[in-house]
Amino acid sequence: KTRNLDDTIRYLTRMTFLLQKMYDDSTNTLSFLPTSQISSSQ
């Protein structure tokens, strides 16, 4: 819950900085799934 739009903007800013810090840490890894292997949403 946020009080107003400015409070929402501050929250999005903090979330962005948090995710940048998380993925700078080598323990938070990322893999992608190739599109050519995905036949459907299921």
PDB file of all heavy atoms in Angstrom:
ATOM      1  N   LYS A   1       0.846  -1.187   0.000  1.00  0.00           N
ATOM      2  CA  LYS A   1       0.000   0.000   0.000  1.00  0.00           C
ATOM      3  C   LYS A   1       0.883   1.239   0.000  1.00  0.00           C
ATOM      4  O   LYS A   1       1.834   1.337   0.773  1.00  0.00           O
ATOM      5  CB  LYS A   1      -0.905   0.027   1.231  1.00  0.00           C
ATOM      6  CG  LYS A   1      -1.981  -1.060   1.228  1.00  0.00           C
ATOM      7  CD  LYS A   1      -2.877  -0.910   2.439  1.00  0.00           C
ATOM      8  CE  LYS A   1      -3.961  -1.969   2.466  1.00  0.00           C
ATOM      9  NZ  LYS A   1      -4.836  -1.830   3.659  1.00  0.00           N
ATOM     10  N   THR A   2       0.560   2.182  -0.888  1.00  0.00           N
ATOM     11  CA  THR A   2       1.261   3.463  -0.913  1.00  0.00           C
ATOM     12  C   THR A   2       0.253   4.585  -0.719  1.00  0.00           C
ATOM     13  O   THR A   2      -0.928   4.434  -1.038  1.00  0.00           O
ATOM     14  CB  THR A   2       2.010   3.666  -2.242  1.00  0.00           C
ATOM     15  OG1 THR A   2       1.076   3.593  -3.326  1.00  0.00           O
ATOM     16  CG2 THR A   2       3.074   2.602  -2.440  1.00  0.00           C
ATOM     17  N   ARG A   3       0.741   5.716  -0.207  1.00  0.00           N
ATOM     18  CA  ARG A   3      -0.173   6.824   0.128  1.00  0.00           C
ATOM     19  C   ARG A   3      -0.617   7.579  -1.113  1.00  0.00           C
ATOM     20  O   ARG A   3      -1.750   8.026  -1.194  1.00  0.00           O
ATOM     21  CB  ARG A   3       0.503   7.777   1.109  1.00  0.00           C
ATOM     22  CG  ARG A   3       0.788   7.177   2.471  1.00  0.00           C
ATOM     23  CD  ARG A   3       1.324   8.231   3.431  1.00  0.00           C
ATOM     24  NE  ARG A   3       2.594   8.774   2.970  1.00  0.00           N
ATOM     25  CZ  ARG A   3       3.770   8.214   3.229  1.00  0.00           C
ATOM     26  NH1 ARG A   3       3.830   7.100   3.939  1.00  0.00           N
ATOM     27  NH2 ARG A   3       4.889   8.766   2.786  1.00  0.00           N
ATOM     28  N   ASN A   4       0.298   7.724  -2.088  1.00  0.00           N
ATOM     29  CA  ASN A   4      -0.007   8.506  -3.280  1.00  0.00           C
ATOM     30  C   ASN A   4       0.968   8.111  -4.382  1.00  0.00           C
ATOM     31  O   ASN A   4       1.779   7.189  -4.215  1.00  0.00           O
ATOM     32  CB  ASN A   4       0.068  10.007  -2.992  1.00  0.00           C
ATOM     33  CG  ASN A   4       1.351  10.366  -2.232  1.00  0.00           C
ATOM     34  OD1 ASN A   4       2.417   9.846  -2.545  1.00  0.00           O
ATOM     35  ND2 ASN A   4       1.226  11.235  -1.239  1.00  0.00           N
ATOM     36  N   LEU A   5       0.904   8.826  -5.512  1.00  0.00           N
ATOM     37  CA  LEU A   5       1.756   8.497  -6.652  1.00  0.00           C
ATOM     38  C   LEU A   5       3.231   8.687  -6.339  1.00  0.00           C
ATOM     39  O   LEU A   5       4.078   7.880  -6.748  1.00  0.00           O
ATOM     40  CB  LEU A   5       1.350   9.345  -7.861  1.00  0.00           C
ATOM     41  CG  LEU A   5       2.153   9.131  -9.150  1.00  0.00           C
ATOM     42  CD1 LEU A   5       2.082   7.679  -9.601  1.00  0.00           C
ATOM     43  CD2 LEU A   5       1.641  10.051 -10.253  1.00  0.00           C
ATOM     44  N   ASP A   6       3.565   9.736  -5.611  1.00  0.00           N
ATOM     45  CA  ASP A   6       4.970   9.978  -5.280  1.00  0.00           C
ATOM     46  C   ASP A   6       5.522   8.857  -4.406  1.00  0.00           C
ATOM     47  O   ASP A   6       6.690   8.472  -4.539  1.00  0.00           O
ATOM     48  CB  ASP A   6       5.119  11.328  -4.567  1.00  0.00           C
ATOM     49  CG  ASP A   6       4.878  12.507  -5.512  1.00  0.00           C
ATOM     50  OD1 ASP A   6       5.171  12.341  -6.713  1.00  0.00           O
ATOM     51  OD2 ASP A   6       4.397  13.548  -5.055  1.00  0.00           O
ATOM     52  N   ASP A   7       4.688   8.355  -3.498  1.00  0.00           N
ATOM     53  CA  ASP A   7       5.109   7.222  -2.666  1.00  0.00           C
ATOM     54  C   ASP A   7       5.334   5.976  -3.532  1.00  0.00           C
ATOM     55  O   ASP A   7       6.259   5.187  -3.308  1.00  0.00           O
ATOM     56  CB  ASP A   7       4.039   6.950  -1.608  1.00  0.00           C
ATOM     57  CG  ASP A   7       4.581   6.100  -0.463  1.00  0.00           C
ATOM     58  OD1 ASP A   7       5.811   5.955  -0.357  1.00  0.00           O
ATOM     59  OD2 ASP A   7       3.763   5.570   0.312  1.00  0.00           O
ATOM     60  N   THR A   8       4.497   5.793  -4.553  1.00  0.00           N
ATOM     61  CA  THR A   8       4.667   4.681  -5.492  1.00  0.00           C
ATOM     62  C   THR A   8       5.989   4.800  -6.247  1.00  0.00           C
ATOM     63  O   THR A   8       6.718   3.811  -6.429  1.00  0.00           O
ATOM     64  CB  THR A   8       3.500   4.657  -6.500  1.00  0.00           C
ATOM     65  OG1 THR A   8       2.285   4.409  -5.799  1.00  0.00           O
ATOM     66  CG2 THR A   8       3.705   3.578  -7.545  1.00  0.00           C
ATOM     67  N   ILE A   9       6.333   6.005  -6.669  1.00  0.00           N
ATOM     68  CA  ILE A   9       7.591   6.237  -7.394  1.00  0.00           C
ATOM     69  C   ILE A   9       8.781   5.914  -6.502  1.00  0.00           C
ATOM     70  O   ILE A   9       9.764   5.291  -6.945  1.00  0.00           O
ATOM     71  CB  ILE A   9       7.646   7.694  -7.899  1.00  0.00           C
ATOM     72  CG1 ILE A   9       6.569   7.907  -8.970  1.00  0.00           C
ATOM     73  CG2 ILE A   9       9.026   8.035  -8.443  1.00  0.00           C
ATOM     74  CD1 ILE A   9       6.393   9.342  -9.393  1.00  0.00           C
ATOM     75  N   ARG A  10       8.705   6.301  -5.224  1.00  0.00           N
ATOM     76  CA  ARG A  10       9.800   5.989  -4.296  1.00  0.00           C
ATOM     77  C   ARG A  10       9.938   4.473  -4.122  1.00  0.00           C
ATOM     78  O   ARG A  10      11.056   3.943  -4.039  1.00  0.00           O
ATOM     79  CB  ARG A  10       9.550   6.671  -2.948  1.00  0.00           C
ATOM     80  CG  ARG A  10       9.801   8.166  -2.956  1.00  0.00           C
ATOM     81  CD  ARG A  10       9.804   8.740  -1.540  1.00  0.00           C
ATOM     82  NE  ARG A  10       8.464   8.724  -0.972  1.00  0.00           N
ATOM     83  CZ  ARG A  10       7.597   9.739  -1.095  1.00  0.00           C
ATOM     84  NH1 ARG A  10       7.937  10.822  -1.773  1.00  0.00           N
ATOM     85  NH2 ARG A  10       6.400   9.674  -0.541  1.00  0.00           N
ATOM     86  N   TYR A  11       8.808   3.770  -4.088  1.00  0.00           N
ATOM     87  CA  TYR A  11       8.851   2.311  -3.922  1.00  0.00           C
ATOM     88  C   TYR A  11       9.490   1.644  -5.143  1.00  0.00           C
ATOM     89  O   TYR A  11      10.327   0.738  -5.012  1.00  0.00           O
ATOM     90  CB  TYR A  11       7.444   1.767  -3.696  1.00  0.00           C
ATOM     91  CG  TYR A  11       7.395   0.259  -3.580  1.00  0.00           C
ATOM     92  CD1 TYR A  11       7.842  -0.366  -2.424  1.00  0.00           C
ATOM     93  CD2 TYR A  11       6.932  -0.519  -4.626  1.00  0.00           C
ATOM     94  CE1 TYR A  11       7.814  -1.755  -2.319  1.00  0.00           C
ATOM     95  CE2 TYR A  11       6.897  -1.899  -4.533  1.00  0.00           C
ATOM     96  CZ  TYR A  11       7.341  -2.510  -3.374  1.00  0.00           C
ATOM     97  OH  TYR A  11       7.322  -3.877  -3.270  1.00  0.00           O
ATOM     98  N   LEU A  12       9.113   2.077  -6.355  1.00  0.00           N
ATOM     99  CA  LEU A  12       9.705   1.511  -7.560  1.00  0.00           C
ATOM    100  C   LEU A  12      11.200   1.781  -7.630  1.00  0.00           C
ATOM    101  O   LEU A  12      11.980   0.940  -8.097  1.00  0.00           O
ATOM    102  CB  LEU A  12       9.008   2.079  -8.804  1.00  0.00           C
ATOM    103  CG  LEU A  12       7.553   1.661  -9.025  1.00  0.00           C
ATOM    104  CD1 LEU A  12       6.965   2.391 -10.230  1.00  0.00           C
ATOM    105  CD2 LEU A  12       7.433   0.157  -9.219  1.00  0.00           C
ATOM    106  N   THR A  13      11.608   2.940  -7.132  1.00  0.00           N
ATOM    107  CA  THR A  13      13.040   3.263  -7.091  1.00  0.00           C
ATOM    108  C   THR A  13      13.784   2.314  -6.169  1.00  0.00           C
ATOM    109  O   THR A  13      14.833   1.761  -6.534  1.00  0.00           O
ATOM    110  CB  THR A  13      13.239   4.716  -6.632  1.00  0.00           C
ATOM    111  OG1 THR A  13      12.525   5.604  -7.503  1.00  0.00           O
ATOM    112  CG2 THR A  13      14.705   5.087  -6.624  1.00  0.00           C
ATOM    113  N   ARG A  14      13.246   2.105  -4.967  1.00  0.00           N
ATOM    114  CA  ARG A  14      13.902   1.207  -4.006  1.00  0.00           C
ATOM    115  C   ARG A  14      13.943  -0.224  -4.537  1.00  0.00           C
ATOM    116  O   ARG A  14      14.945  -0.924  -4.362  1.00  0.00           O
ATOM    117  CB  ARG A  14      13.169   1.253  -2.661  1.00  0.00           C
ATOM    118  CG  ARG A  14      13.276   2.594  -1.939  1.00  0.00           C
ATOM    119  CD  ARG A  14      12.843   2.472  -0.483  1.00  0.00           C
ATOM    120  NE  ARG A  14      11.470   2.004  -0.360  1.00  0.00           N
ATOM    121  CZ  ARG A  14      10.401   2.794  -0.315  1.00  0.00           C
ATOM    122  NH1 ARG A  14      10.565   4.113  -0.408  1.00  0.00           N
ATOM    123  NH2 ARG A  14       9.187   2.301  -0.181  1.00  0.00           N
ATOM    124  N   MET A  15      12.857  -0.667  -5.176  1.00  0.00           N
ATOM    125  CA  MET A  15      12.823  -2.024  -5.724  1.00  0.00           C
ATOM    126  C   MET A  15      13.878  -2.204  -6.817  1.00  0.00           C
ATOM    127  O   MET A  15      14.550  -3.242  -6.902  1.00  0.00           O
ATOM    128  CB  MET A  15      11.437  -2.327  -6.286  1.00  0.00           C
ATOM    129  CG  MET A  15      10.424  -2.786  -5.259  1.00  0.00           C
ATOM    130  SD  MET A  15      10.880  -4.353  -4.479  1.00  0.00           S
ATOM    131  CE  MET A  15      11.064  -5.407  -5.917  1.00  0.00           C
ATOM    132  N   THR A  16      14.048  -1.189  -7.646  1.00  0.00           N
ATOM    133  CA  THR A  16      15.040  -1.281  -8.718  1.00  0.00           C
ATOM    134  C   THR A  16      16.446  -1.383  -8.147  1.00  0.00           C
ATOM    135  O   THR A  16      17.255  -2.230  -8.577  1.00  0.00           O
ATOM    136  CB  THR A  16      14.938  -0.061  -9.651  1.00  0.00           C
ATOM    137  OG1 THR A  16      13.601   0.037 -10.164  1.00  0.00           O
ATOM    138  CG2 THR A  16      15.908  -0.187 -10.816  1.00  0.00           C
ATOM    139  N   PHE A  17      16.761  -0.551  -7.170  1.00  0.00           N
ATOM    140  CA  PHE A  17      18.081  -0.610  -6.541  1.00  0.00           C
ATOM    141  C   PHE A  17      18.296  -1.955  -5.840  1.00  0.00           C
ATOM    142  O   PHE A  17      19.395  -2.519  -5.862  1.00  0.00           O
ATOM    143  CB  PHE A  17      18.246   0.537  -5.533  1.00  0.00           C
ATOM    144  CG  PHE A  17      18.381   1.892  -6.179  1.00  0.00           C
ATOM    145  CD1 PHE A  17      17.922   3.035  -5.532  1.00  0.00           C
ATOM    146  CD2 PHE A  17      18.966   2.021  -7.432  1.00  0.00           C
ATOM    147  CE1 PHE A  17      18.049   4.283  -6.135  1.00  0.00           C
ATOM    148  CE2 PHE A  17      19.090   3.267  -8.037  1.00  0.00           C
ATOM    149  CZ  PHE A  17      18.639   4.393  -7.386  1.00  0.00           C
ATOM    150  N   LEU A  18      17.233  -2.476  -5.201  1.00  0.00           N
ATOM    151  CA  LEU A  18      17.344  -3.757  -4.515  1.00  0.00           C
ATOM    152  C   LEU A  18      17.652  -4.886  -5.500  1.00  0.00           C
ATOM    153  O   LEU A  18      18.529  -5.724  -5.252  1.00  0.00           O
ATOM    154  CB  LEU A  18      16.038  -4.053  -3.767  1.00  0.00           C
ATOM    155  CG  LEU A  18      15.941  -5.440  -3.101  1.00  0.00           C
ATOM    156  CD1 LEU A  18      17.007  -5.587  -2.023  1.00  0.00           C
ATOM    157  CD2 LEU A  18      14.559  -5.663  -2.508  1.00  0.00           C
ATOM    158  N   LEU A  19      16.938  -4.918  -6.637  1.00  0.00           N
ATOM    159  CA  LEU A  19      17.172  -5.975  -7.628  1.00  0.00           C
ATOM    160  C   LEU A  19      18.550  -5.836  -8.256  1.00  0.00           C
ATOM    161  O   LEU A  19      19.215  -6.852  -8.540  1.00  0.00           O
ATOM    162  CB  LEU A  19      16.088  -5.919  -8.711  1.00  0.00           C
ATOM    163  CG  LEU A  19      14.684  -6.324  -8.268  1.00  0.00           C
ATOM    164  CD1 LEU A  19      13.679  -6.112  -9.395  1.00  0.00           C
ATOM    165  CD2 LEU A  19      14.651  -7.766  -7.811  1.00  0.00           C
ATOM    166  N   GLN A  20      19.011  -4.614  -8.483  1.00  0.00           N
ATOM    167  CA  GLN A  20      20.355  -4.423  -9.017  1.00  0.00           C
ATOM    168  C   GLN A  20      21.408  -4.979  -8.067  1.00  0.00           C
ATOM    169  O   GLN A  20      22.367  -5.627  -8.494  1.00  0.00           O
ATOM    170  CB  GLN A  20      20.606  -2.931  -9.270  1.00  0.00           C
ATOM    171  CG  GLN A  20      19.815  -2.369 -10.446  1.00  0.00           C
ATOM    172  CD  GLN A  20      19.942  -0.867 -10.581  1.00  0.00           C
ATOM    173  OE1 GLN A  20      20.438  -0.192  -9.662  1.00  0.00           O
ATOM    174  NE2 GLN A  20      19.480  -0.321 -11.702  1.00  0.00           N
ATOM    175  N   LYS A  21      21.193  -4.752  -6.762  1.00  0.00           N
ATOM    176  CA  LYS A  21      22.135  -5.269  -5.771  1.00  0.00           C
ATOM    177  C   LYS A  21      22.064  -6.790  -5.681  1.00  0.00           C
ATOM    178  O   LYS A  21      23.095  -7.467  -5.568  1.00  0.00           O
ATOM    179  CB  LYS A  21      21.827  -4.646  -4.406  1.00  0.00           C
ATOM    180  CG  LYS A  21      22.792  -5.063  -3.317  1.00  0.00           C
ATOM    181  CD  LYS A  21      22.460  -4.371  -1.994  1.00  0.00           C
ATOM    182  CE  LYS A  21      23.434  -4.806  -0.901  1.00  0.00           C
ATOM    183  NZ  LYS A  21      23.112  -4.167   0.400  1.00  0.00           N
ATOM    184  N   MET A  22      20.848  -7.332  -5.746  1.00  0.00           N
ATOM    185  CA  MET A  22      20.679  -8.790  -5.662  1.00  0.00           C
ATOM    186  C   MET A  22      21.398  -9.506  -6.798  1.00  0.00           C
ATOM    187  O   MET A  22      22.116 -10.487  -6.572  1.00  0.00           O
ATOM    188  CB  MET A  22      19.194  -9.150  -5.697  1.00  0.00           C
ATOM    189  CG  MET A  22      18.438  -8.887  -4.421  1.00  0.00           C
ATOM    190  SD  MET A  22      16.671  -9.195  -4.628  1.00  0.00           S
ATOM    191  CE  MET A  22      16.678 -10.885  -5.233  1.00  0.00           C
ATOM    192  N   TYR A  23      21.225  -9.014  -8.019  1.00  0.00           N
ATOM    193  CA  TYR A  23      21.800  -9.715  -9.161  1.00  0.00           C
ATOM    194  C   TYR A  23      23.260  -9.365  -9.412  1.00  0.00           C
ATOM    195  O   TYR A  23      23.918 -10.011 -10.224  1.00  0.00           O
ATOM    196  CB  TYR A  23      20.955  -9.454 -10.416  1.00  0.00           C
ATOM    197  CG  TYR A  23      19.680 -10.251 -10.391  1.00  0.00           C
ATOM    198  CD1 TYR A  23      18.496  -9.692  -9.940  1.00  0.00           C
ATOM    199  CD2 TYR A  23      19.663 -11.583 -10.807  1.00  0.00           C
ATOM    200  CE1 TYR A  23      17.319 -10.423  -9.898  1.00  0.00           C
ATOM    201  CE2 TYR A  23      18.491 -12.319 -10.770  1.00  0.00           C
ATOM    202  CZ  TYR A  23      17.320 -11.738 -10.312  1.00  0.00           C
ATOM    203  OH  TYR A  23      16.160 -12.478 -10.265  1.00  0.00           O
ATOM    204  N   ASP A  24      23.773  -8.360  -8.695  1.00  0.00           N
ATOM    205  CA  ASP A  24      25.217  -8.127  -8.723  1.00  0.00           C
ATOM    206  C   ASP A  24      25.948  -9.178  -7.905  1.00  0.00           C
ATOM    207  O   ASP A  24      27.118  -9.461  -8.125  1.00  0.00           O
ATOM    208  CB  ASP A  24      25.544  -6.729  -8.172  1.00  0.00           C
ATOM    209  CG  ASP A  24      25.393  -5.665  -9.241  1.00  0.00           C
ATOM    210  OD1 ASP A  24      25.362  -6.047 -10.427  1.00  0.00           O
ATOM    211  OD2 ASP A  24      25.300  -4.471  -8.912  1.00  0.00           O
ATOM    212  N   ASP A  25      25.198  -9.740  -6.940  1.00  0.00           N
ATOM    213  CA  ASP A  25      25.753 -10.803  -6.111  1.00  0.00           C
ATOM    214  C   ASP A  25      25.779 -12.096  -6.923  1.00  0.00           C
ATOM    215  O   ASP A  25      24.777 -12.504  -7.499  1.00  0.00           O
ATOM    216  CB  ASP A  25      24.879 -10.982  -4.862  1.00  0.00           C
ATOM    217  CG  ASP A  25      25.475 -11.988  -3.882  1.00  0.00           C
ATOM    218  OD1 ASP A  25      26.510 -12.583  -4.224  1.00  0.00           O
ATOM    219  OD2 ASP A  25      24.892 -12.172  -2.808  1.00  0.00           O
ATOM    220  N   SER A  26      26.907 -12.756  -6.974  1.00  0.00           N
ATOM    221  CA  SER A  26      27.053 -13.953  -7.807  1.00  0.00           C
ATOM    222  C   SER A  26      26.160 -15.103  -7.358  1.00  0.00           C
ATOM    223  O   SER A  26      25.940 -16.042  -8.115  1.00  0.00           O
ATOM    224  CB  SER A  26      28.515 -14.421  -7.818  1.00  0.00           C
ATOM    225  OG  SER A  26      28.942 -14.725  -6.487  1.00  0.00           O
ATOM    226  N   THR A  27      25.628 -15.041  -6.110  1.00  0.00           N
ATOM    227  CA  THR A  27      24.759 -16.134  -5.652  1.00  0.00           C
ATOM    228  C   THR A  27      23.378 -16.072  -6.286  1.00  0.00           C
ATOM    229  O   THR A  27      22.656 -17.056  -6.296  1.00  0.00           O
ATOM    230  CB  THR A  27      24.612 -16.085  -4.115  1.00  0.00           C
ATOM    231  OG1 THR A  27      24.053 -14.821  -3.741  1.00  0.00           O
ATOM    232  CG2 THR A  27      25.964 -16.266  -3.442  1.00  0.00           C
ATOM    233  N   ASN A  28      22.993 -14.894  -6.801  1.00  0.00           N
ATOM    234  CA  ASN A  28      21.701 -14.756  -7.472  1.00  0.00           C
ATOM    235  C   ASN A  28      21.917 -14.907  -8.974  1.00  0.00           C
ATOM    236  O   ASN A  28      22.339 -13.971  -9.645  1.00  0.00           O
ATOM    237  CB  ASN A  28      21.081 -13.387  -7.153  1.00  0.00           C
ATOM    238  CG  ASN A  28      20.652 -13.296  -5.710  1.00  0.00           C
ATOM    239  OD1 ASN A  28      19.653 -13.866  -5.322  1.00  0.00           O
ATOM    240  ND2 ASN A  28      21.437 -12.590  -4.905  1.00  0.00           N
ATOM    241  N   THR A  29      21.702 -16.091  -9.473  1.00  0.00           N
ATOM    242  CA  THR A  29      22.022 -16.401 -10.854  1.00  0.00           C
ATOM    243  C   THR A  29      20.793 -16.290 -11.750  1.00  0.00           C
ATOM    244  O   THR A  29      19.656 -16.294 -11.292  1.00  0.00           O
ATOM    245  CB  THR A  29      22.607 -17.821 -10.955  1.00  0.00           C
ATOM    246  OG1 THR A  29      21.738 -18.722 -10.262  1.00  0.00           O
ATOM    247  CG2 THR A  29      23.993 -17.880 -10.354  1.00  0.00           C
ATOM    248  N   LEU A  30      21.036 -16.233 -13.051  1.00  0.00           N
ATOM    249  CA  LEU A  30      19.977 -16.048 -14.036  1.00  0.00           C
ATOM    250  C   LEU A  30      20.207 -16.982 -15.218  1.00  0.00           C
ATOM    251  O   LEU A  30      21.321 -17.117 -15.703  1.00  0.00           O
ATOM    252  CB  LEU A  30      19.958 -14.587 -14.518  1.00  0.00           C
ATOM    253  CG  LEU A  30      19.004 -14.245 -15.667  1.00  0.00           C
ATOM    254  CD1 LEU A  30      17.554 -14.427 -15.244  1.00  0.00           C
ATOM    255  CD2 LEU A  30      19.245 -12.804 -16.130  1.00  0.00           C
ATOM    256  N   SER A  31      19.140 -17.653 -15.662  1.00  0.00           N
ATOM    257  CA  SER A  31      19.178 -18.490 -16.858  1.00  0.00           C
ATOM    258  C   SER A  31      17.995 -18.129 -17.737  1.00  0.00           C
ATOM    259  O   SER A  31      16.944 -17.728 -17.246  1.00  0.00           O
ATOM    260  CB  SER A  31      19.104 -19.982 -16.497  1.00  0.00           C
ATOM    261  OG  SER A  31      20.259 -20.399 -15.792  1.00  0.00           O
ATOM    262  N   PHE A  32      18.163 -18.287 -19.041  1.00  0.00           N
ATOM    263  CA  PHE A  32      17.031 -18.020 -19.932  1.00  0.00           C
ATOM    264  C   PHE A  32      16.645 -19.295 -20.662  1.00  0.00           C
ATOM    265  O   PHE A  32      17.471 -20.175 -20.911  1.00  0.00           O
ATOM    266  CB  PHE A  32      17.325 -16.871 -20.895  1.00  0.00           C
ATOM    267  CG  PHE A  32      18.140 -17.231 -22.099  1.00  0.00           C
ATOM    268  CD1 PHE A  32      17.530 -17.619 -23.278  1.00  0.00           C
ATOM    269  CD2 PHE A  32      19.522 -17.154 -22.054  1.00  0.00           C
ATOM    270  CE1 PHE A  32      18.276 -17.935 -24.402  1.00  0.00           C
ATOM    271  CE2 PHE A  32      20.277 -17.469 -23.171  1.00  0.00           C
ATOM    272  CZ  PHE A  32      19.653 -17.859 -24.347  1.00  0.00           C
ATOM    273  N   LEU A  33      15.353 -19.391 -20.986  1.00  0.00           N
ATOM    274  CA  LEU A  33      14.793 -20.545 -21.684  1.00  0.00           C
ATOM    275  C   LEU A  33      14.651 -20.195 -23.162  1.00  0.00           C
ATOM    276  O   LEU A  33      13.943 -19.258 -23.504  1.00  0.00           O
ATOM    277  CB  LEU A  33      13.423 -20.918 -21.090  1.00  0.00           C
ATOM    278  CG  LEU A  33      13.381 -21.074 -19.565  1.00  0.00           C
ATOM    279  CD1 LEU A  33      11.977 -21.451 -19.118  1.00  0.00           C
ATOM    280  CD2 LEU A  33      14.382 -22.116 -19.100  1.00  0.00           C
ATOM    281  N   PRO A  34      15.312 -20.932 -24.058  1.00  0.00           N
ATOM    282  CA  PRO A  34      15.277 -20.605 -25.491  1.00  0.00           C
ATOM    283  C   PRO A  34      13.858 -20.677 -26.059  1.00  0.00           C
ATOM    284  O   PRO A  34      13.114 -21.625 -25.814  1.00  0.00           O
ATOM    285  CB  PRO A  34      16.186 -21.673 -26.117  1.00  0.00           C
ATOM    286  CG  PRO A  34      17.046 -22.153 -24.998  1.00  0.00           C
ATOM    287  CD  PRO A  34      16.200 -22.063 -23.768  1.00  0.00           C
ATOM    288  N   THR A  35      13.523 -19.670 -26.834  1.00  0.00           N
ATOM    289  CA  THR A  35      12.190 -19.615 -27.434  1.00  0.00           C
ATOM    290  C   THR A  35      11.935 -20.796 -28.369  1.00  0.00           C
ATOM    291  O   THR A  35      10.819 -21.302 -28.455  1.00  0.00           O
ATOM    292  CB  THR A  35      12.031 -18.298 -28.210  1.00  0.00           C
ATOM    293  OG1 THR A  35      12.260 -17.206 -27.317  1.00  0.00           O
ATOM    294  CG2 THR A  35      10.638 -18.162 -28.810  1.00  0.00           C
ATOM    295  N   SER A  36      12.974 -21.236 -29.074  1.00  0.00           N
ATOM    296  CA  SER A  36      12.805 -22.312 -30.051  1.00  0.00           C
ATOM    297  C   SER A  36      12.380 -23.622 -29.412  1.00  0.00           C
ATOM    298  O   SER A  36      11.910 -24.525 -30.103  1.00  0.00           O
ATOM    299  CB  SER A  36      14.108 -22.528 -30.824  1.00  0.00           C
ATOM    300  OG  SER A  36      15.169 -22.825 -29.934  1.00  0.00           O
ATOM    301  N   GLN A  37      12.545 -23.749 -28.081  1.00  0.00           N
ATOM    302  CA  GLN A  37      12.174 -24.984 -27.394  1.00  0.00           C
ATOM    303  C   GLN A  37      10.800 -24.898 -26.736  1.00  0.00           C
ATOM    304  O   GLN A  37      10.334 -25.870 -26.144  1.00  0.00           O
ATOM    305  CB  GLN A  37      13.230 -25.332 -26.332  1.00  0.00           C
ATOM    306  CG  GLN A  37      14.625 -25.555 -26.906  1.00  0.00           C
ATOM    307  CD  GLN A  37      15.664 -25.794 -25.826  1.00  0.00           C
ATOM    308  OE1 GLN A  37      15.340 -25.889 -24.636  1.00  0.00           O
ATOM    309  NE2 GLN A  37      16.922 -25.883 -26.215  1.00  0.00           N
ATOM    310  N   ILE A  38      10.150 -23.734 -26.806  1.00  0.00           N
ATOM    311  CA  ILE A  38       8.867 -23.521 -26.137  1.00  0.00           C
ATOM    312  C   ILE A  38       7.753 -23.646 -27.159  1.00  0.00           C
ATOM    313  O   ILE A  38       7.647 -22.824 -28.068  1.00  0.00           O
ATOM    314  CB  ILE A  38       8.820 -22.143 -25.449  1.00  0.00           C
ATOM    315  CG1 ILE A  38       9.952 -22.034 -24.414  1.00  0.00           C
ATOM    316  CG2 ILE A  38       7.474 -21.925 -24.782  1.00  0.00           C
ATOM    317  CD1 ILE A  38      10.057 -20.658 -23.794  1.00  0.00           C
ATOM    318  N   SER A  39       6.919 -24.658 -27.022  1.00  0.00           N
ATOM    319  CA  SER A  39       5.846 -24.885 -27.987  1.00  0.00           C
ATOM    320  C   SER A  39       4.539 -24.215 -27.588  1.00  0.00           C
ATOM    321  O   SER A  39       3.693 -23.967 -28.438  1.00  0.00           O
ATOM    322  CB  SER A  39       5.609 -26.389 -28.161  1.00  0.00           C
ATOM    323  OG  SER A  39       5.211 -26.971 -26.923  1.00  0.00           O
ATOM    324  N   SER A  40       4.347 -23.920 -26.303  1.00  0.00           N
ATOM    325  CA  SER A  40       3.088 -23.331 -25.850  1.00  0.00           C
ATOM    326  C   SER A  40       3.287 -22.768 -24.453  1.00  0.00           C
ATOM    327  O   SER A  40       4.314 -23.012 -23.796  1.00  0.00           O
ATOM    328  CB  SER A  40       1.968 -24.382 -25.833  1.00  0.00           C
ATOM    329  OG  SER A  40       2.260 -25.393 -24.886  1.00  0.00           O
ATOM    330  N   SER A  41       2.283 -22.034 -23.974  1.00  0.00           N
ATOM    331  CA  SER A  41       2.350 -21.499 -22.619  1.00  0.00           C
ATOM    332  C   SER A  41       2.339 -22.621 -21.589  1.00  0.00           C
ATOM    333  O   SER A  41       2.980 -22.517 -20.538  1.00  0.00           O
ATOM    334  CB  SER A  41       1.176 -20.543 -22.376  1.00  0.00           C
ATOM    335  OG  SER A  41      -0.057 -21.204 -22.578  1.00  0.00           O
ATOM    336  N   GLN A  42       1.626 -23.709 -21.888  1.00  0.00           N
ATOM    337  CA  GLN A  42       1.588 -24.833 -20.959  1.00  0.00           C
ATOM    338  C   GLN A  42       2.961 -25.491 -20.852  1.00  0.00           C
ATOM    339  O   GLN A  42       3.386 -25.906 -19.769  1.00  0.00           O
ATOM    340  CB  GLN A  42       0.543 -25.860 -21.426  1.00  0.00           C
ATOM    341  CG  GLN A  42       0.252 -26.953 -20.407  1.00  0.00           C
ATOM    342  CD  GLN A  42      -0.214 -26.415 -19.066  1.00  0.00           C
ATOM    343  OE1 GLN A  42      -1.058 -25.533 -19.011  1.00  0.00           O
ATOM    344  NE2 GLN A  42       0.340 -26.930 -17.980  1.00  0.00           N
TER     345      GLN A  42
END
